[in-house]
N, C-alpha and C. Protein backbone atom coordinates (compact mmCIF):
# COMPACT_ATOMS: atom_id res chain seq x y z
N MET A 1 123.73 91.56 98.04
CA MET A 1 123.39 91.95 99.42
C MET A 1 124.27 93.12 99.79
N THR A 2 123.76 94.11 100.34
CA THR A 2 124.43 95.44 100.60
C THR A 2 124.56 95.60 102.14
N PHE A 3 125.80 96.11 102.48
CA PHE A 3 126.01 96.51 103.87
C PHE A 3 125.40 97.81 104.08
N LYS A 4 125.33 97.40 104.88
CA LYS A 4 124.69 98.63 105.17
C LYS A 4 125.05 99.96 104.49
N SER A 5 103.11 113.43 97.43
CA SER A 5 102.63 114.59 96.76
C SER A 5 101.40 114.34 96.22
N GLY A 6 100.59 114.78 96.67
CA GLY A 6 99.27 114.52 96.13
C GLY A 6 98.70 113.21 96.70
N LEU A 7 98.70 112.15 96.00
CA LEU A 7 98.02 110.92 96.45
C LEU A 7 98.82 110.23 97.58
N PHE A 8 100.19 110.46 97.65
CA PHE A 8 101.01 109.81 98.47
C PHE A 8 101.78 110.68 99.38
N ASP A 9 102.06 110.23 100.63
CA ASP A 9 102.82 110.99 101.50
C ASP A 9 104.32 110.78 101.26
N ARG A 10 105.06 111.76 101.27
CA ARG A 10 106.53 111.66 101.02
C ARG A 10 107.22 111.50 102.41
N VAL A 11 108.16 110.49 102.52
CA VAL A 11 108.84 110.23 103.76
C VAL A 11 110.13 111.04 103.63
N GLN A 12 110.38 111.94 104.59
CA GLN A 12 111.55 112.83 104.57
C GLN A 12 112.87 112.01 104.75
N ASN A 13 112.83 111.09 105.69
CA ASN A 13 114.18 110.38 106.02
C ASN A 13 114.29 109.10 105.13
N SER A 14 113.30 108.78 104.37
CA SER A 14 113.38 107.61 103.42
C SER A 14 113.64 106.31 104.10
N ARG A 15 113.15 106.21 105.40
CA ARG A 15 113.25 104.99 106.11
C ARG A 15 111.82 104.57 106.51
N ILE A 16 111.39 103.45 106.04
CA ILE A 16 109.98 103.02 106.31
C ILE A 16 110.07 101.53 106.80
N HIS A 17 109.29 101.34 107.86
CA HIS A 17 109.23 100.01 108.48
C HIS A 17 108.18 99.25 107.65
N HIS A 18 108.51 98.01 107.42
CA HIS A 18 107.64 97.12 106.52
C HIS A 18 106.28 96.91 107.18
N GLU A 19 106.17 97.04 108.53
CA GLU A 19 104.93 96.80 109.21
C GLU A 19 104.08 98.11 109.39
N ASP A 20 104.61 99.21 108.92
CA ASP A 20 103.79 100.45 108.96
C ASP A 20 102.53 100.29 108.04
N ALA A 21 101.38 100.61 108.57
CA ALA A 21 100.17 100.41 107.80
C ALA A 21 100.19 101.18 106.49
N LYS A 22 100.93 102.26 106.42
CA LYS A 22 100.95 103.03 105.16
C LYS A 22 102.32 102.77 104.41
N ALA A 23 103.05 101.76 104.76
CA ALA A 23 104.34 101.54 104.20
C ALA A 23 104.36 101.55 102.63
N GLU A 24 103.39 100.87 101.98
CA GLU A 24 103.37 100.81 100.54
C GLU A 24 103.08 102.16 99.91
N ALA A 25 102.08 102.91 100.51
CA ALA A 25 101.86 104.29 99.96
C ALA A 25 103.06 105.21 100.19
N LYS A 26 103.73 105.07 101.37
CA LYS A 26 104.84 105.94 101.63
C LYS A 26 105.97 105.58 100.64
N LEU A 27 106.20 104.35 100.43
CA LEU A 27 107.26 103.93 99.44
C LEU A 27 106.97 104.43 98.07
N ALA A 28 105.71 104.31 97.61
CA ALA A 28 105.32 104.81 96.28
C ALA A 28 105.56 106.32 96.27
N GLY A 29 105.21 107.08 97.31
CA GLY A 29 105.39 108.48 97.28
C GLY A 29 106.90 108.88 97.17
N GLU A 30 107.73 108.11 97.81
CA GLU A 30 109.23 108.32 97.63
C GLU A 30 109.60 108.12 96.23
N LEU A 31 109.14 107.05 95.62
CA LEU A 31 109.57 106.70 94.28
C LEU A 31 109.11 107.75 93.30
N ILE A 32 107.78 108.15 93.47
CA ILE A 32 107.19 109.11 92.50
C ILE A 32 107.98 110.47 92.60
N SER A 33 108.46 110.79 93.72
CA SER A 33 109.19 112.05 93.90
C SER A 33 110.60 112.04 93.31
N HIS A 34 111.12 110.86 93.05
CA HIS A 34 112.51 110.66 92.53
C HIS A 34 112.53 110.23 91.08
N LEU A 35 111.59 109.41 90.69
CA LEU A 35 111.61 108.77 89.26
C LEU A 35 111.42 109.82 88.23
N PRO A 36 112.08 109.77 87.10
CA PRO A 36 111.88 110.62 85.93
C PRO A 36 110.59 110.28 85.28
N LEU A 37 110.04 111.16 84.46
CA LEU A 37 108.84 110.92 83.66
C LEU A 37 109.14 109.78 82.74
N LEU A 38 108.24 108.97 82.38
CA LEU A 38 108.33 107.88 81.50
C LEU A 38 108.72 108.35 80.09
N THR A 39 108.38 109.53 79.81
CA THR A 39 108.66 110.09 78.44
C THR A 39 110.09 110.41 78.34
N SER A 40 110.88 110.50 79.43
CA SER A 40 112.23 110.97 79.30
C SER A 40 113.26 109.74 79.29
N ARG A 41 113.05 108.79 80.10
CA ARG A 41 113.86 107.61 80.12
C ARG A 41 113.06 106.40 80.51
N PRO A 42 113.45 105.21 79.96
CA PRO A 42 112.74 103.94 80.47
C PRO A 42 113.18 103.62 81.84
N ILE A 43 112.30 103.14 82.65
CA ILE A 43 112.52 102.80 84.03
C ILE A 43 112.72 101.30 84.19
N VAL A 44 113.96 100.87 84.64
CA VAL A 44 114.35 99.56 84.71
C VAL A 44 114.53 99.20 86.20
N VAL A 45 113.95 98.16 86.76
CA VAL A 45 114.05 97.71 88.10
C VAL A 45 114.95 96.52 88.01
N VAL A 46 116.16 96.62 88.74
CA VAL A 46 117.07 95.55 88.82
C VAL A 46 117.12 94.96 90.29
N CYS A 47 116.65 93.80 90.36
CA CYS A 47 116.51 93.14 91.68
C CYS A 47 117.66 92.17 91.87
N ILE A 48 118.50 92.56 92.88
CA ILE A 48 119.79 91.77 93.03
C ILE A 48 119.70 90.80 94.17
N GLY A 49 120.30 89.61 94.01
CA GLY A 49 120.27 88.66 95.04
C GLY A 49 120.26 87.24 94.57
N THR A 50 120.20 86.27 95.41
CA THR A 50 120.13 84.86 95.03
C THR A 50 119.09 84.07 95.86
N ASP A 51 118.53 83.07 95.21
CA ASP A 51 117.56 82.27 95.92
C ASP A 51 118.24 81.16 96.72
N ARG A 52 119.54 81.15 96.69
CA ARG A 52 120.31 80.15 97.44
C ARG A 52 120.63 80.63 98.91
N SER A 53 120.16 81.80 99.27
CA SER A 53 120.44 82.40 100.59
C SER A 53 119.18 83.07 101.06
N THR A 54 118.61 82.59 102.18
CA THR A 54 117.39 83.24 102.62
C THR A 54 117.38 84.75 102.70
N GLY A 55 118.43 85.25 103.36
CA GLY A 55 118.52 86.70 103.59
C GLY A 55 118.67 87.42 102.32
N ASP A 56 119.47 86.82 101.38
CA ASP A 56 119.73 87.50 100.12
C ASP A 56 118.72 87.30 99.02
N SER A 57 117.63 86.66 99.36
CA SER A 57 116.62 86.38 98.38
C SER A 57 115.56 87.59 98.27
N LEU A 58 115.75 88.64 99.02
CA LEU A 58 114.86 89.74 99.00
C LEU A 58 114.68 90.24 97.57
N GLY A 59 115.79 90.55 96.92
CA GLY A 59 115.72 91.01 95.49
C GLY A 59 114.96 90.23 94.60
N PRO A 60 115.40 88.90 94.43
CA PRO A 60 114.70 87.98 93.51
C PRO A 60 113.16 87.85 93.88
N LEU A 61 112.82 87.86 95.17
CA LEU A 61 111.41 87.76 95.53
C LEU A 61 110.70 88.98 95.06
N VAL A 62 111.24 90.22 95.20
CA VAL A 62 110.62 91.38 94.70
C VAL A 62 110.48 91.31 93.15
N GLY A 63 111.46 90.85 92.50
CA GLY A 63 111.33 90.69 91.05
C GLY A 63 110.29 89.80 90.65
N SER A 64 110.07 88.66 91.33
CA SER A 64 109.11 87.66 91.00
C SER A 64 107.69 88.22 91.29
N PHE A 65 107.54 88.95 92.40
CA PHE A 65 106.22 89.55 92.70
C PHE A 65 105.87 90.60 91.62
N LEU A 66 106.86 91.35 91.20
CA LEU A 66 106.54 92.40 90.26
C LEU A 66 106.26 91.79 88.85
N GLU A 67 106.95 90.70 88.57
CA GLU A 67 106.75 90.00 87.28
C GLU A 67 105.27 89.46 87.21
N GLU A 68 104.75 88.97 88.35
CA GLU A 68 103.39 88.47 88.42
C GLU A 68 102.42 89.72 88.21
N LYS A 69 102.79 90.86 88.67
CA LYS A 69 101.84 92.04 88.51
C LYS A 69 101.78 92.61 87.11
N ARG A 70 102.79 92.21 86.20
CA ARG A 70 102.87 92.66 84.82
C ARG A 70 102.77 94.16 84.72
N LEU A 71 103.70 94.85 85.29
CA LEU A 71 103.76 96.29 85.25
C LEU A 71 103.76 96.77 83.80
N PRO A 72 102.92 97.69 83.44
CA PRO A 72 102.82 98.15 81.99
C PRO A 72 103.95 99.06 81.60
N SER A 73 104.63 99.73 82.59
CA SER A 73 105.58 100.77 82.19
C SER A 73 106.99 100.58 82.79
N PHE A 74 107.20 99.63 83.63
CA PHE A 74 108.58 99.37 84.29
C PHE A 74 109.15 98.08 83.70
N HIS A 75 110.30 97.94 83.46
CA HIS A 75 110.97 96.75 83.02
C HIS A 75 111.66 96.03 84.16
N ILE A 76 111.43 94.77 84.41
CA ILE A 76 111.86 94.06 85.59
C ILE A 76 113.02 93.08 85.25
N TYR A 77 114.03 93.09 85.95
CA TYR A 77 115.14 92.16 85.79
C TYR A 77 115.54 91.61 87.22
N GLY A 78 115.71 90.28 87.35
CA GLY A 78 116.16 89.68 88.57
C GLY A 78 114.98 88.95 89.25
N THR A 79 114.78 87.66 89.07
CA THR A 79 113.60 86.98 89.73
C THR A 79 114.14 85.70 90.33
N LEU A 80 113.30 84.93 90.98
CA LEU A 80 113.69 83.64 91.56
C LEU A 80 114.10 82.73 90.46
N ASP A 81 113.44 82.67 89.32
CA ASP A 81 113.77 81.89 88.25
C ASP A 81 115.04 82.37 87.44
N ASP A 82 115.33 83.65 87.46
CA ASP A 82 116.43 84.19 86.75
C ASP A 82 117.04 85.25 87.61
N PRO A 83 117.72 84.86 88.62
CA PRO A 83 118.30 85.89 89.56
C PRO A 83 119.52 86.62 89.00
N ILE A 84 119.78 87.79 89.53
CA ILE A 84 120.91 88.66 89.18
C ILE A 84 121.79 88.68 90.40
N HIS A 85 122.97 88.08 90.29
CA HIS A 85 123.83 87.86 91.51
C HIS A 85 125.32 88.22 91.16
N ALA A 86 126.22 87.94 92.08
CA ALA A 86 127.67 88.26 91.80
C ALA A 86 128.25 87.70 90.60
N VAL A 87 127.84 86.48 90.24
CA VAL A 87 128.45 85.87 89.02
C VAL A 87 127.99 86.51 87.75
N ASN A 88 126.76 86.91 87.55
CA ASN A 88 126.23 87.48 86.28
C ASN A 88 125.86 88.87 86.28
N LEU A 89 126.25 89.65 87.34
CA LEU A 89 125.86 90.99 87.51
C LEU A 89 126.30 91.86 86.27
N GLU A 90 127.60 91.78 85.99
CA GLU A 90 128.09 92.60 84.87
C GLU A 90 127.45 92.27 83.55
N GLU A 91 127.33 91.05 83.35
CA GLU A 91 126.67 90.57 82.07
C GLU A 91 125.31 91.06 81.94
N LYS A 92 124.44 91.01 83.04
CA LYS A 92 123.08 91.50 83.04
C LYS A 92 123.01 93.00 82.86
N LEU A 93 123.85 93.76 83.47
CA LEU A 93 123.94 95.26 83.32
C LEU A 93 124.25 95.59 81.86
N LYS A 94 125.15 94.85 81.24
CA LYS A 94 125.47 95.10 79.84
C LYS A 94 124.23 94.77 78.95
N GLU A 95 123.53 93.66 79.19
CA GLU A 95 122.34 93.32 78.51
C GLU A 95 121.29 94.41 78.67
N ILE A 96 121.13 95.03 79.84
CA ILE A 96 120.14 96.03 80.12
C ILE A 96 120.50 97.34 79.29
N THR A 97 121.68 97.76 79.32
CA THR A 97 122.11 99.00 78.62
C THR A 97 122.01 98.81 77.05
N GLU A 98 122.18 97.53 76.58
CA GLU A 98 122.01 97.34 75.17
C GLU A 98 120.55 97.27 74.68
N LYS A 99 119.75 96.84 75.62
CA LYS A 99 118.29 96.66 75.28
C LYS A 99 117.47 98.01 75.47
N HIS A 100 117.87 98.77 76.44
CA HIS A 100 117.23 100.03 76.77
C HIS A 100 118.06 101.22 76.68
N PHE A 101 117.61 102.22 75.92
CA PHE A 101 118.36 103.41 75.75
C PHE A 101 118.38 104.29 76.96
N HIS A 102 119.51 104.63 77.53
CA HIS A 102 119.72 105.54 78.64
C HIS A 102 118.73 105.19 79.75
N PRO A 103 118.65 104.04 80.29
CA PRO A 103 117.69 103.65 81.31
C PRO A 103 117.87 104.29 82.61
N PHE A 104 116.83 104.55 83.29
CA PHE A 104 116.85 104.99 84.71
C PHE A 104 116.69 103.71 85.51
N ILE A 105 117.73 103.32 86.30
CA ILE A 105 117.77 102.06 87.00
C ILE A 105 117.45 102.19 88.49
N LEU A 106 116.41 101.51 88.89
CA LEU A 106 116.09 101.37 90.30
C LEU A 106 116.59 100.03 90.80
N ALA A 107 117.60 99.98 91.66
CA ALA A 107 118.17 98.79 92.11
C ALA A 107 117.49 98.40 93.52
N ILE A 108 117.35 97.09 93.63
CA ILE A 108 116.76 96.47 94.85
C ILE A 108 117.72 95.51 95.48
N ASP A 109 118.00 95.58 96.71
CA ASP A 109 118.90 94.67 97.35
C ASP A 109 118.60 94.51 98.77
N ALA A 110 119.08 93.38 99.34
CA ALA A 110 118.97 93.14 100.83
C ALA A 110 120.28 93.77 101.46
N CYS A 111 120.18 94.10 102.73
CA CYS A 111 121.39 94.57 103.41
C CYS A 111 121.25 94.16 104.89
N LEU A 112 122.47 94.28 105.61
CA LEU A 112 122.45 94.02 107.03
C LEU A 112 122.74 95.38 107.75
N GLY A 113 122.20 95.47 108.96
CA GLY A 113 122.32 96.72 109.68
C GLY A 113 122.25 96.44 111.20
N ARG A 114 121.89 97.54 111.90
CA ARG A 114 121.81 97.40 113.30
C ARG A 114 120.52 96.63 113.70
N PHE A 115 120.63 96.03 114.96
CA PHE A 115 119.50 95.23 115.37
C PHE A 115 118.12 95.99 115.33
N LYS A 116 118.11 97.26 115.78
CA LYS A 116 116.88 98.00 115.90
C LYS A 116 116.41 98.44 114.45
N SER A 117 117.21 98.29 113.44
CA SER A 117 116.82 98.68 112.06
C SER A 117 116.31 97.53 111.26
N VAL A 118 116.35 96.25 111.74
CA VAL A 118 115.90 95.14 110.98
C VAL A 118 114.46 95.31 110.69
N GLY A 119 114.02 95.08 109.46
CA GLY A 119 112.68 95.29 108.99
C GLY A 119 112.40 96.67 108.36
N ILE A 120 113.48 97.50 108.39
CA ILE A 120 113.37 98.86 107.67
C ILE A 120 113.70 98.77 106.21
N ILE A 121 112.89 99.55 105.46
CA ILE A 121 113.17 99.66 103.96
C ILE A 121 113.65 101.05 103.72
N GLN A 122 114.77 101.15 103.04
CA GLN A 122 115.41 102.41 102.76
C GLN A 122 115.33 102.76 101.35
N VAL A 123 115.00 104.04 101.04
CA VAL A 123 114.90 104.51 99.69
C VAL A 123 115.94 105.64 99.54
N CYS A 124 116.90 105.48 98.62
CA CYS A 124 118.08 106.36 98.59
C CYS A 124 118.40 106.77 97.15
N ASP A 125 118.89 108.00 96.94
CA ASP A 125 119.42 108.41 95.73
C ASP A 125 120.76 107.75 95.44
N GLY A 126 121.18 107.58 94.22
CA GLY A 126 122.40 107.03 93.84
C GLY A 126 122.48 105.52 93.76
N PRO A 127 123.57 105.05 93.46
CA PRO A 127 123.67 103.53 93.25
C PRO A 127 123.80 102.78 94.53
N VAL A 128 123.46 101.46 94.37
CA VAL A 128 123.67 100.49 95.63
C VAL A 128 125.09 99.85 95.35
N LYS A 129 125.72 99.33 96.32
CA LYS A 129 126.94 98.68 96.21
C LYS A 129 126.75 97.21 96.61
N PRO A 130 126.37 96.35 95.62
CA PRO A 130 126.16 94.96 95.92
C PRO A 130 127.45 94.30 96.43
N GLY A 131 127.22 93.40 97.37
CA GLY A 131 128.36 92.56 97.87
C GLY A 131 129.18 93.21 98.92
N ALA A 132 129.00 94.52 99.18
CA ALA A 132 129.80 95.26 100.19
C ALA A 132 129.74 94.69 101.59
N GLY A 133 128.54 94.04 101.86
CA GLY A 133 128.34 93.50 103.22
C GLY A 133 129.13 92.18 103.47
N VAL A 134 129.56 91.50 102.36
CA VAL A 134 130.31 90.27 102.44
C VAL A 134 131.62 90.40 101.72
N ASN A 135 132.13 91.60 101.63
CA ASN A 135 133.47 91.93 101.12
C ASN A 135 133.66 91.48 99.67
N LYS A 136 132.66 91.67 98.80
CA LYS A 136 132.81 91.44 97.38
C LYS A 136 132.92 92.74 96.63
N GLU A 137 133.85 92.77 95.59
CA GLU A 137 133.97 93.87 94.74
C GLU A 137 133.11 93.75 93.48
N LEU A 138 131.97 94.46 93.47
CA LEU A 138 131.08 94.30 92.34
C LEU A 138 130.68 95.71 91.81
N PRO A 139 130.23 95.83 90.62
CA PRO A 139 129.85 97.16 90.03
C PRO A 139 128.72 97.79 90.86
N GLU A 140 128.79 99.10 91.01
CA GLU A 140 127.64 99.82 91.63
C GLU A 140 126.48 99.80 90.65
N VAL A 141 125.31 99.81 91.17
CA VAL A 141 124.07 99.62 90.34
C VAL A 141 123.02 100.65 90.73
N GLY A 142 122.51 101.35 89.71
CA GLY A 142 121.30 102.19 89.93
C GLY A 142 121.54 103.71 89.92
N ASP A 143 120.45 104.40 89.48
CA ASP A 143 120.44 105.82 89.69
C ASP A 143 119.74 106.14 91.08
N MET A 144 118.96 105.18 91.57
CA MET A 144 118.50 105.19 92.96
C MET A 144 118.30 103.74 93.35
N HIS A 145 118.11 103.54 94.65
CA HIS A 145 117.99 102.16 95.14
C HIS A 145 117.18 102.01 96.35
N ILE A 146 116.64 100.82 96.56
CA ILE A 146 115.85 100.48 97.71
C ILE A 146 116.57 99.30 98.34
N THR A 147 116.79 99.40 99.63
CA THR A 147 117.42 98.26 100.39
C THR A 147 116.58 97.84 101.54
N GLY A 148 116.46 96.61 101.83
CA GLY A 148 115.69 96.13 102.98
C GLY A 148 116.66 95.53 104.01
N ILE A 149 116.67 96.03 105.22
CA ILE A 149 117.53 95.44 106.22
C ILE A 149 116.98 94.23 106.79
N VAL A 150 117.49 93.09 106.44
CA VAL A 150 116.93 91.77 106.79
C VAL A 150 117.50 91.12 108.00
N ASN A 151 118.70 91.64 108.42
CA ASN A 151 119.31 91.00 109.65
C ASN A 151 120.41 91.89 110.15
N VAL A 152 121.13 91.39 111.18
CA VAL A 152 122.14 92.18 111.85
C VAL A 152 123.54 91.97 111.29
N SER A 153 124.26 93.05 111.20
CA SER A 153 125.58 92.99 110.66
C SER A 153 126.64 92.83 111.77
N GLY A 154 127.87 92.62 111.30
CA GLY A 154 129.01 92.73 112.29
C GLY A 154 129.72 91.40 112.52
N PHE A 155 129.12 90.26 112.28
CA PHE A 155 129.83 89.01 112.60
C PHE A 155 129.29 87.85 111.69
N MET A 156 130.17 87.18 111.02
CA MET A 156 129.87 85.99 110.17
C MET A 156 128.61 86.23 109.32
N GLU A 157 128.76 87.32 108.36
CA GLU A 157 127.65 87.73 107.55
C GLU A 157 127.02 86.65 106.74
N PHE A 158 127.87 85.72 106.15
CA PHE A 158 127.29 84.69 105.34
C PHE A 158 126.31 83.75 106.16
N PHE A 159 126.78 83.50 107.40
CA PHE A 159 126.00 82.62 108.31
C PHE A 159 124.75 83.31 108.72
N VAL A 160 124.83 84.66 108.92
CA VAL A 160 123.67 85.45 109.34
C VAL A 160 122.61 85.46 108.08
N LEU A 161 123.11 85.66 106.91
CA LEU A 161 122.15 85.65 105.76
C LEU A 161 121.45 84.30 105.60
N GLN A 162 122.23 83.18 105.77
CA GLN A 162 121.62 81.91 105.62
C GLN A 162 120.61 81.59 106.69
N ASN A 163 120.70 82.26 107.84
CA ASN A 163 119.83 82.00 108.93
C ASN A 163 118.81 83.17 109.15
N THR A 164 118.54 83.92 108.17
CA THR A 164 117.59 84.92 108.27
C THR A 164 116.20 84.39 108.09
N ARG A 165 115.20 84.92 108.80
CA ARG A 165 113.90 84.26 108.68
C ARG A 165 113.20 84.65 107.30
N LEU A 166 112.73 83.53 106.65
CA LEU A 166 112.16 83.74 105.37
C LEU A 166 110.84 84.50 105.48
N SER A 167 110.11 84.38 106.63
CA SER A 167 108.84 85.12 106.83
C SER A 167 109.12 86.65 106.72
N LEU A 168 110.17 87.09 107.37
CA LEU A 168 110.49 88.53 107.27
C LEU A 168 110.81 89.04 105.89
N VAL A 169 111.64 88.20 105.24
CA VAL A 169 112.08 88.52 103.86
C VAL A 169 110.88 88.56 102.92
N VAL A 170 109.98 87.69 102.95
CA VAL A 170 108.84 87.67 102.12
C VAL A 170 107.91 88.87 102.39
N LYS A 171 107.67 89.15 103.66
CA LYS A 171 106.87 90.37 104.02
C LYS A 171 107.44 91.64 103.45
N MET A 172 108.78 91.79 103.60
CA MET A 172 109.41 92.98 103.14
C MET A 172 109.31 93.01 101.61
N ALA A 173 109.61 91.92 100.98
CA ALA A 173 109.54 91.84 99.50
C ALA A 173 108.21 92.26 98.99
N LYS A 174 107.05 91.75 99.63
CA LYS A 174 105.74 92.10 99.19
C LYS A 174 105.50 93.60 99.36
N THR A 175 105.89 94.18 100.49
CA THR A 175 105.70 95.63 100.66
C THR A 175 106.50 96.45 99.61
N ILE A 176 107.72 96.03 99.33
CA ILE A 176 108.53 96.70 98.31
C ILE A 176 107.85 96.61 96.96
N ALA A 177 107.43 95.40 96.61
CA ALA A 177 106.87 95.16 95.29
C ALA A 177 105.57 95.90 95.16
N ASN A 178 104.71 95.97 96.22
CA ASN A 178 103.43 96.70 96.14
C ASN A 178 103.66 98.18 96.00
N GLY A 179 104.63 98.69 96.71
CA GLY A 179 104.99 100.07 96.66
C GLY A 179 105.42 100.47 95.17
N ILE A 180 106.26 99.71 94.67
CA ILE A 180 106.75 99.87 93.19
C ILE A 180 105.55 99.85 92.27
N HIS A 181 104.61 98.89 92.51
CA HIS A 181 103.47 98.71 91.68
C HIS A 181 102.62 100.01 91.75
N LEU A 182 102.43 100.45 92.94
CA LEU A 182 101.57 101.70 93.10
C LEU A 182 102.22 102.85 92.32
N ALA A 183 103.50 103.06 92.44
CA ALA A 183 104.24 104.14 91.71
C ALA A 183 104.13 103.94 90.20
N SER A 184 104.22 102.71 89.83
CA SER A 184 104.08 102.35 88.29
C SER A 184 102.74 102.78 87.86
N LYS A 185 101.77 102.39 88.51
CA LYS A 185 100.33 102.69 88.13
C LYS A 185 100.10 104.18 88.08
N TYR A 186 100.69 104.93 89.06
CA TYR A 186 100.48 106.41 89.15
C TYR A 186 101.07 107.06 87.91
N GLN A 187 102.31 106.62 87.53
CA GLN A 187 102.99 107.23 86.43
C GLN A 187 102.25 106.85 85.11
N TYR A 188 101.87 105.62 85.00
CA TYR A 188 101.24 105.08 83.77
C TYR A 188 99.88 105.87 83.64
N ASN A 189 99.11 106.02 84.69
CA ASN A 189 97.84 106.72 84.55
C ASN A 189 98.03 108.19 84.23
N GLN A 190 99.11 108.86 84.76
CA GLN A 190 99.38 110.22 84.35
C GLN A 190 99.60 110.39 82.94
N LEU A 191 100.24 109.45 82.30
CA LEU A 191 100.45 109.57 80.84
C LEU A 191 99.25 109.26 79.99
N GLY A 192 98.42 108.30 80.52
CA GLY A 192 97.22 107.94 79.78
C GLY A 192 97.56 107.31 78.47
N TRP A 193 98.67 106.59 78.37
CA TRP A 193 99.00 105.88 77.12
C TRP A 193 98.67 104.36 77.40
N SER A 194 98.33 103.71 76.26
CA SER A 194 98.11 102.28 76.36
C SER A 194 99.32 101.50 76.28
N GLU A 195 100.45 102.05 75.78
CA GLU A 195 101.68 101.29 75.69
C GLU A 195 102.91 102.19 75.45
N ILE A 196 104.00 101.79 76.09
CA ILE A 196 105.21 102.63 76.03
C ILE A 196 106.26 101.70 75.43
N ARG A 197 107.00 102.03 74.33
CA ARG A 197 107.99 101.20 73.72
C ARG A 197 109.34 101.84 73.80
N TRP A 198 110.16 101.32 74.79
CA TRP A 198 111.49 101.91 75.01
C TRP A 198 112.53 100.92 74.60
N ASN A 199 112.20 99.69 74.18
CA ASN A 199 113.21 98.75 73.79
C ASN A 199 113.74 99.13 72.43
N ARG A 200 115.04 98.90 72.30
CA ARG A 200 115.64 99.17 71.03
C ARG A 200 115.29 98.09 69.98
N GLU A 201 114.81 98.53 68.88
CA GLU A 201 114.50 97.58 67.83
C GLU A 201 115.83 97.21 67.07
N PRO A 202 115.93 95.99 66.66
CA PRO A 202 117.18 95.57 65.93
C PRO A 202 117.45 96.44 64.71
N GLY A 203 118.63 97.03 64.60
CA GLY A 203 119.05 97.84 63.53
C GLY A 203 118.50 99.20 63.56
N ALA A 204 117.83 99.64 64.68
CA ALA A 204 117.32 101.00 64.76
C ALA A 204 118.45 101.94 65.03
N ALA A 205 118.40 103.07 64.43
CA ALA A 205 119.48 104.12 64.69
C ALA A 205 119.09 104.92 65.93
N ILE A 206 120.15 105.20 66.74
CA ILE A 206 120.04 106.01 67.99
C ILE A 206 120.71 107.28 67.69
N ASN A 207 119.96 108.35 67.71
CA ASN A 207 120.60 109.66 67.45
C ASN A 207 120.81 110.50 68.69
N GLU A 208 120.12 110.02 69.81
CA GLU A 208 120.30 110.82 71.03
C GLU A 208 121.56 110.51 71.76
N GLN A 209 121.99 111.50 72.64
CA GLN A 209 123.18 111.27 73.38
C GLN A 209 122.84 111.25 74.89
N THR A 210 123.56 110.40 75.62
CA THR A 210 123.35 110.47 77.04
C THR A 210 123.91 111.66 77.67
N THR A 211 123.42 112.03 78.82
CA THR A 211 123.88 113.22 79.54
C THR A 211 124.89 112.80 80.66
């Protein structure tokens, strides 16, 4: 939990309300304008959070919704069945970097913010800082990130997260997952490939260097 072109319209301020009728297309447009080509780096979606807290379940819900969609070109980590949270975050990040060469990571996390911002989905460059809203020191995650403002910050954050409305979190998670799905289909169709293999094969030599 964080403290605070063509077919798709790009959102200049990268803040989208989940109830916007075009929220999914706007979110996809933002992603398409930032994500690298699939031919350059594998795209990994890391959904952060826990199913033990209503407010902090946004990430695992997004991961589970994406897993059901079986995206052909994005790799999904962090679901309700296998969440990525404070205890296993470092281990999961190590697993991802070992399995995928030089991945482009899109991080998903819940966050708290101002009252009038609740329900807003933010798309930002750079890493997310998990745990900042509840004073935890965790590794930064992502080349870019999406956060959903699920409740109000400023007082008793753990209690606020536990008492966040599940209805809101589910709606926001569906919007985020559908937007990522649209972006994935757009990139996949642009390539016109039937399959992309970015996983490292056991024993395979890696001659490329990261930048």
